[in-house]
N, C-alpha and C. Protein backbone atom coordinates (compact mmCIF):
# COMPACT_ATOMS: atom_id res chain seq x y z
N MET A 1 -35.09 -28.78 -27.34
CA MET A 1 -35.16 -27.94 -26.28
C MET A 1 -35.82 -26.58 -26.55
N GLN A 2 -36.84 -26.07 -25.80
CA GLN A 2 -37.53 -24.73 -26.22
C GLN A 2 -36.56 -23.75 -25.73
N ASP A 3 -36.77 -22.35 -26.55
CA ASP A 3 -36.13 -21.45 -26.23
C ASP A 3 -36.03 -20.72 -24.83
N THR A 4 -37.32 -21.04 -24.16
CA THR A 4 -37.92 -20.45 -23.05
C THR A 4 -37.07 -21.34 -21.69
N GLN A 5 -37.26 -22.56 -22.03
CA GLN A 5 -36.47 -23.51 -20.97
C GLN A 5 -34.90 -23.39 -21.30
N LEU A 6 -34.35 -23.20 -22.26
CA LEU A 6 -33.25 -22.81 -22.52
C LEU A 6 -32.29 -21.39 -21.87
N LEU A 7 -33.25 -20.21 -22.03
CA LEU A 7 -33.29 -18.96 -21.24
C LEU A 7 -33.58 -19.30 -19.72
N PHE A 8 -34.34 -20.10 -19.28
CA PHE A 8 -34.37 -20.28 -17.86
C PHE A 8 -33.29 -20.86 -17.09
N GLU A 9 -32.71 -21.87 -17.91
CA GLU A 9 -31.48 -22.51 -17.76
C GLU A 9 -30.22 -21.49 -17.65
N GLY A 10 -30.25 -20.59 -18.34
CA GLY A 10 -29.15 -19.65 -18.49
C GLY A 10 -29.25 -19.04 -17.39
N PHE A 11 -30.61 -18.38 -16.95
CA PHE A 11 -30.83 -17.61 -15.82
C PHE A 11 -30.24 -18.35 -14.19
N ALA A 12 -30.81 -19.43 -14.17
CA ALA A 12 -30.54 -20.27 -13.40
C ALA A 12 -28.99 -20.32 -13.03
N LEU A 13 -28.30 -20.88 -14.25
CA LEU A 13 -26.64 -20.69 -13.89
C LEU A 13 -26.10 -19.35 -13.80
N MET A 14 -26.56 -18.41 -14.49
CA MET A 14 -26.23 -17.09 -13.62
C MET A 14 -26.67 -16.75 -12.47
N GLY A 15 -27.46 -17.16 -11.85
CA GLY A 15 -27.82 -16.73 -10.41
C GLY A 15 -26.80 -17.50 -9.62
N LEU A 16 -26.58 -18.83 -10.20
CA LEU A 16 -26.03 -19.87 -8.88
C LEU A 16 -24.30 -19.23 -8.97
N GLY A 17 -23.87 -18.72 -10.38
CA GLY A 17 -22.57 -18.28 -10.40
C GLY A 17 -22.38 -16.65 -9.64
N MET A 18 -23.18 -16.03 -9.50
CA MET A 18 -23.46 -14.75 -8.81
C MET A 18 -23.42 -15.01 -7.46
N GLY A 19 -24.31 -15.88 -6.97
CA GLY A 19 -24.34 -16.27 -5.66
C GLY A 19 -23.12 -17.01 -4.88
N PHE A 20 -22.32 -17.50 -5.78
CA PHE A 20 -21.48 -18.36 -5.42
C PHE A 20 -20.08 -16.89 -5.05
N VAL A 21 -20.02 -16.11 -6.15
CA VAL A 21 -19.22 -15.04 -6.06
C VAL A 21 -19.43 -14.15 -4.90
N PHE A 22 -20.99 -14.02 -4.65
CA PHE A 22 -21.17 -13.00 -3.59
C PHE A 22 -20.84 -13.73 -2.12
N VAL A 23 -21.06 -15.07 -1.98
CA VAL A 23 -20.59 -15.87 -0.58
C VAL A 23 -19.23 -15.94 -0.50
N PHE A 24 -18.46 -16.03 -1.50
CA PHE A 24 -16.92 -16.32 -1.33
C PHE A 24 -16.51 -14.84 -1.18
N LEU A 25 -17.10 -13.92 -1.77
CA LEU A 25 -16.25 -12.41 -1.24
C LEU A 25 -16.80 -12.32 0.25
N THR A 26 -18.05 -12.63 0.45
CA THR A 26 -18.42 -12.41 1.92
C THR A 26 -17.59 -13.13 2.91
N VAL A 27 -17.13 -14.07 2.45
CA VAL A 27 -16.49 -15.14 3.40
C VAL A 27 -15.10 -14.60 3.66
N LEU A 28 -14.55 -14.12 2.42
CA LEU A 28 -13.26 -13.50 2.37
C LEU A 28 -13.31 -12.34 2.94
N VAL A 29 -14.12 -11.34 3.44
CA VAL A 29 -14.15 -10.19 4.27
C VAL A 29 -14.13 -10.45 5.41
N ILE A 30 -15.22 -11.60 5.82
CA ILE A 30 -15.34 -11.88 7.31
C ILE A 30 -13.79 -12.49 7.92
N VAL A 31 -13.32 -13.20 6.89
CA VAL A 31 -11.85 -13.97 7.44
C VAL A 31 -10.84 -13.02 7.49
N THR A 32 -10.93 -12.20 6.86
CA THR A 32 -9.84 -11.18 6.78
C THR A 32 -9.82 -10.14 7.83
N THR A 33 -11.10 -9.71 8.15
CA THR A 33 -11.56 -9.05 9.59
C THR A 33 -11.35 -9.85 10.62
N LEU A 34 -11.28 -11.03 10.63
CA LEU A 34 -11.28 -11.71 11.91
C LEU A 34 -9.60 -11.81 12.19
N MET A 35 -9.08 -11.85 11.09
CA MET A 35 -7.53 -12.48 11.25
C MET A 35 -6.91 -10.72 11.44
N SER A 36 -7.09 -9.86 11.15
CA SER A 36 -6.79 -8.93 11.55
C SER A 36 -6.75 -8.35 12.97
N LYS A 37 -8.02 -9.02 13.58
CA LYS A 37 -8.09 -8.66 14.95
C LYS A 37 -7.56 -9.41 15.98
N THR A 38 -7.49 -11.02 15.13
CA THR A 38 -6.86 -11.75 15.95
C THR A 38 -5.18 -11.18 16.01
N ILE A 39 -4.64 -10.82 14.95
CA ILE A 39 -3.01 -10.43 15.02
C ILE A 39 -2.88 -9.04 15.82
N GLY A 40 -4.02 -8.30 15.88
CA GLY A 40 -4.06 -6.91 16.64
C GLY A 40 -4.30 -7.50 18.20
N ARG A 41 -4.86 -8.26 18.14
CA ARG A 41 -5.06 -8.74 19.89
C ARG A 41 -3.59 -9.54 20.27
N PHE A 42 -2.97 -10.52 19.40
CA PHE A 42 -1.58 -10.98 20.07
C PHE A 42 -0.54 -9.98 19.82
N PHE A 43 -0.46 -9.08 18.88
CA PHE A 43 0.75 -8.42 18.67
C PHE A 43 0.17 -6.98 18.58
N PRO A 44 -0.16 -6.53 19.67
CA PRO A 44 -0.26 -4.77 19.45
C PRO A 44 0.58 -4.23 19.10
N GLU A 45 0.44 -2.81 18.37
CA GLU A 45 1.46 -1.89 17.96
C GLU A 45 1.68 -1.26 19.33
N SER A 46 3.20 -0.95 19.09
CA SER A 46 3.55 0.01 20.45
C SER A 46 3.37 1.18 20.00
N GLU A 47 3.22 1.74 21.24
CA GLU A 47 2.62 3.05 21.43
C GLU A 47 3.83 4.09 21.19
N SER A 48 3.77 5.35 20.37
CA SER A 48 5.02 5.81 20.08
C SER A 48 5.00 7.14 21.06
N PRO A 49 5.94 7.38 21.60
CA PRO A 49 5.84 8.62 22.61
C PRO A 49 5.67 9.57 22.05
N ALA A 50 4.91 10.19 22.86
CA ALA A 50 4.00 11.85 22.40
C ALA A 50 5.24 12.61 22.39
N PRO A 51 5.12 13.71 21.26
CA PRO A 51 6.41 14.72 21.00
C PRO A 51 6.06 15.57 22.30
N ALA A 52 7.35 16.41 22.80
CA ALA A 52 7.50 17.33 23.49
C ALA A 52 6.08 18.64 23.16
N ALA A 53 5.78 19.29 23.81
CA ALA A 53 4.47 20.07 23.58
C ALA A 53 5.15 21.35 23.64
N THR A 54 6.23 21.62 22.86
CA THR A 54 7.14 23.02 22.88
C THR A 54 6.24 23.54 21.45
N GLY A 55 6.58 25.01 21.44
CA GLY A 55 6.08 25.83 20.67
C GLY A 55 6.41 25.62 18.95
N HIS A 56 8.02 25.44 19.06
CA HIS A 56 8.55 24.90 17.77
C HIS A 56 9.39 23.76 17.74
N ARG A 57 9.51 23.46 16.54
CA ARG A 57 10.24 21.96 16.29
C ARG A 57 11.72 22.59 15.69
N ARG A 58 12.83 21.75 15.98
CA ARG A 58 13.87 22.27 15.05
C ARG A 58 13.90 21.28 13.83
N PRO A 59 14.43 22.15 12.72
CA PRO A 59 14.40 20.75 11.69
C PRO A 59 15.24 19.73 11.96
N PRO A 60 15.29 18.43 11.37
CA PRO A 60 16.40 17.45 11.51
C PRO A 60 17.09 17.93 10.81
N ALA A 61 18.47 17.78 11.27
CA ALA A 61 20.01 18.14 10.69
C ALA A 61 19.84 17.14 9.16
N PRO A 62 20.57 17.77 8.16
CA PRO A 62 20.53 16.78 7.31
C PRO A 62 21.98 16.11 7.34
N ARG A 63 21.62 15.13 6.79
CA ARG A 63 22.94 13.87 6.80
C ARG A 63 23.27 13.68 5.74
N GLN A 64 24.57 14.70 5.43
CA GLN A 64 25.48 14.84 4.51
C GLN A 64 26.81 13.94 4.55
N ASP A 65 26.92 13.07 3.84
CA ASP A 65 28.46 12.34 3.58
C ASP A 65 29.55 13.36 3.07
N ASP A 66 30.54 14.09 3.78
CA ASP A 66 31.24 14.93 3.18
C ASP A 66 32.02 14.28 2.08
N ASP A 67 32.32 13.16 1.96
CA ASP A 67 33.34 12.54 0.65
C ASP A 67 32.13 12.43 -0.45
N VAL A 68 30.74 12.25 -0.35
CA VAL A 68 29.80 12.21 -1.50
C VAL A 68 29.58 13.82 -1.93
N MET A 69 29.47 14.50 -1.19
CA MET A 69 29.45 15.99 -1.65
C MET A 69 30.42 16.19 -2.22
N VAL A 70 31.95 15.89 -1.97
CA VAL A 70 33.02 16.46 -2.81
C VAL A 70 32.93 15.50 -4.22
N ALA A 71 32.62 14.51 -4.04
CA ALA A 71 32.59 13.57 -5.16
C ALA A 71 31.69 14.37 -6.58
N ILE A 72 30.58 14.68 -5.82
CA ILE A 72 29.45 15.21 -6.59
C ILE A 72 29.85 16.71 -7.28
N THR A 73 30.49 17.50 -6.35
CA THR A 73 30.86 18.56 -6.97
C THR A 73 31.90 18.58 -7.77
N ALA A 74 32.77 17.69 -7.50
CA ALA A 74 33.98 17.61 -8.62
C ALA A 74 33.48 17.21 -10.16
N ALA A 75 32.70 15.90 -9.99
CA ALA A 75 32.25 15.64 -11.25
C ALA A 75 31.11 16.75 -11.97
N LEU A 76 30.24 17.45 -10.99
CA LEU A 76 29.64 18.63 -11.80
C LEU A 76 30.70 19.84 -12.35
N HIS A 77 31.49 20.04 -11.70
CA HIS A 77 32.47 21.01 -11.96
C HIS A 77 33.06 20.24 -13.62
N ARG A 78 33.47 19.04 -13.46
CA ARG A 78 34.06 18.50 -14.74
C ARG A 78 32.89 18.31 -15.93
N TYR A 79 31.92 17.94 -15.56
CA TYR A 79 30.88 17.88 -16.49
C TYR A 79 30.81 19.28 -16.98
N ARG A 80 30.53 20.60 -16.44
CA ARG A 80 30.19 21.67 -16.87
C ARG A 80 31.59 22.39 -17.57
N ARG A 81 32.66 21.93 -17.25
CA ARG A 81 33.80 22.22 -17.86
C ARG A 81 33.92 21.70 -19.41
N ARG A 82 33.58 20.56 -19.52
CA ARG A 82 33.46 19.86 -21.04
C ARG A 82 32.45 20.24 -21.69
N HIS A 83 31.35 20.73 -20.96
CA HIS A 83 30.05 21.03 -22.03
C HIS A 83 29.82 22.29 -21.80
N ARG A 84 30.51 23.23 -22.14
CA ARG A 84 30.29 24.47 -22.49
C ARG A 84 29.38 24.97 -23.52
N ARG A 85 28.48 25.66 -23.46
CA ARG A 85 27.77 26.21 -24.50
C ARG A 85 28.35 27.44 -25.20
C-alpha cells in the first residue's frame, strides 16, 4: 500500500466518523426538543398565583421546634462546660 493511499483512507475514515457523530448529535437535539414540546403541550405547568401588589412583604415566620432548640441549647452548654479554655 502506498503512503498516500493509506493517508486518504485515514481521512475518509475520519470524515465518516465525524459525520456520524454530527448526525447523531443533531438527531439527539431534535428529538429532545420535540419531546420537550410534546410534554409541555400535554402537561402544561400550572400558573402560580401572582403575589399581592403590596409595598412590603412580611418575612416568613421561622419554623423552629421548641424541643429541638432545647436539646441544642443543652448540648452546647454541656460542651462548653466540659471544654473550657
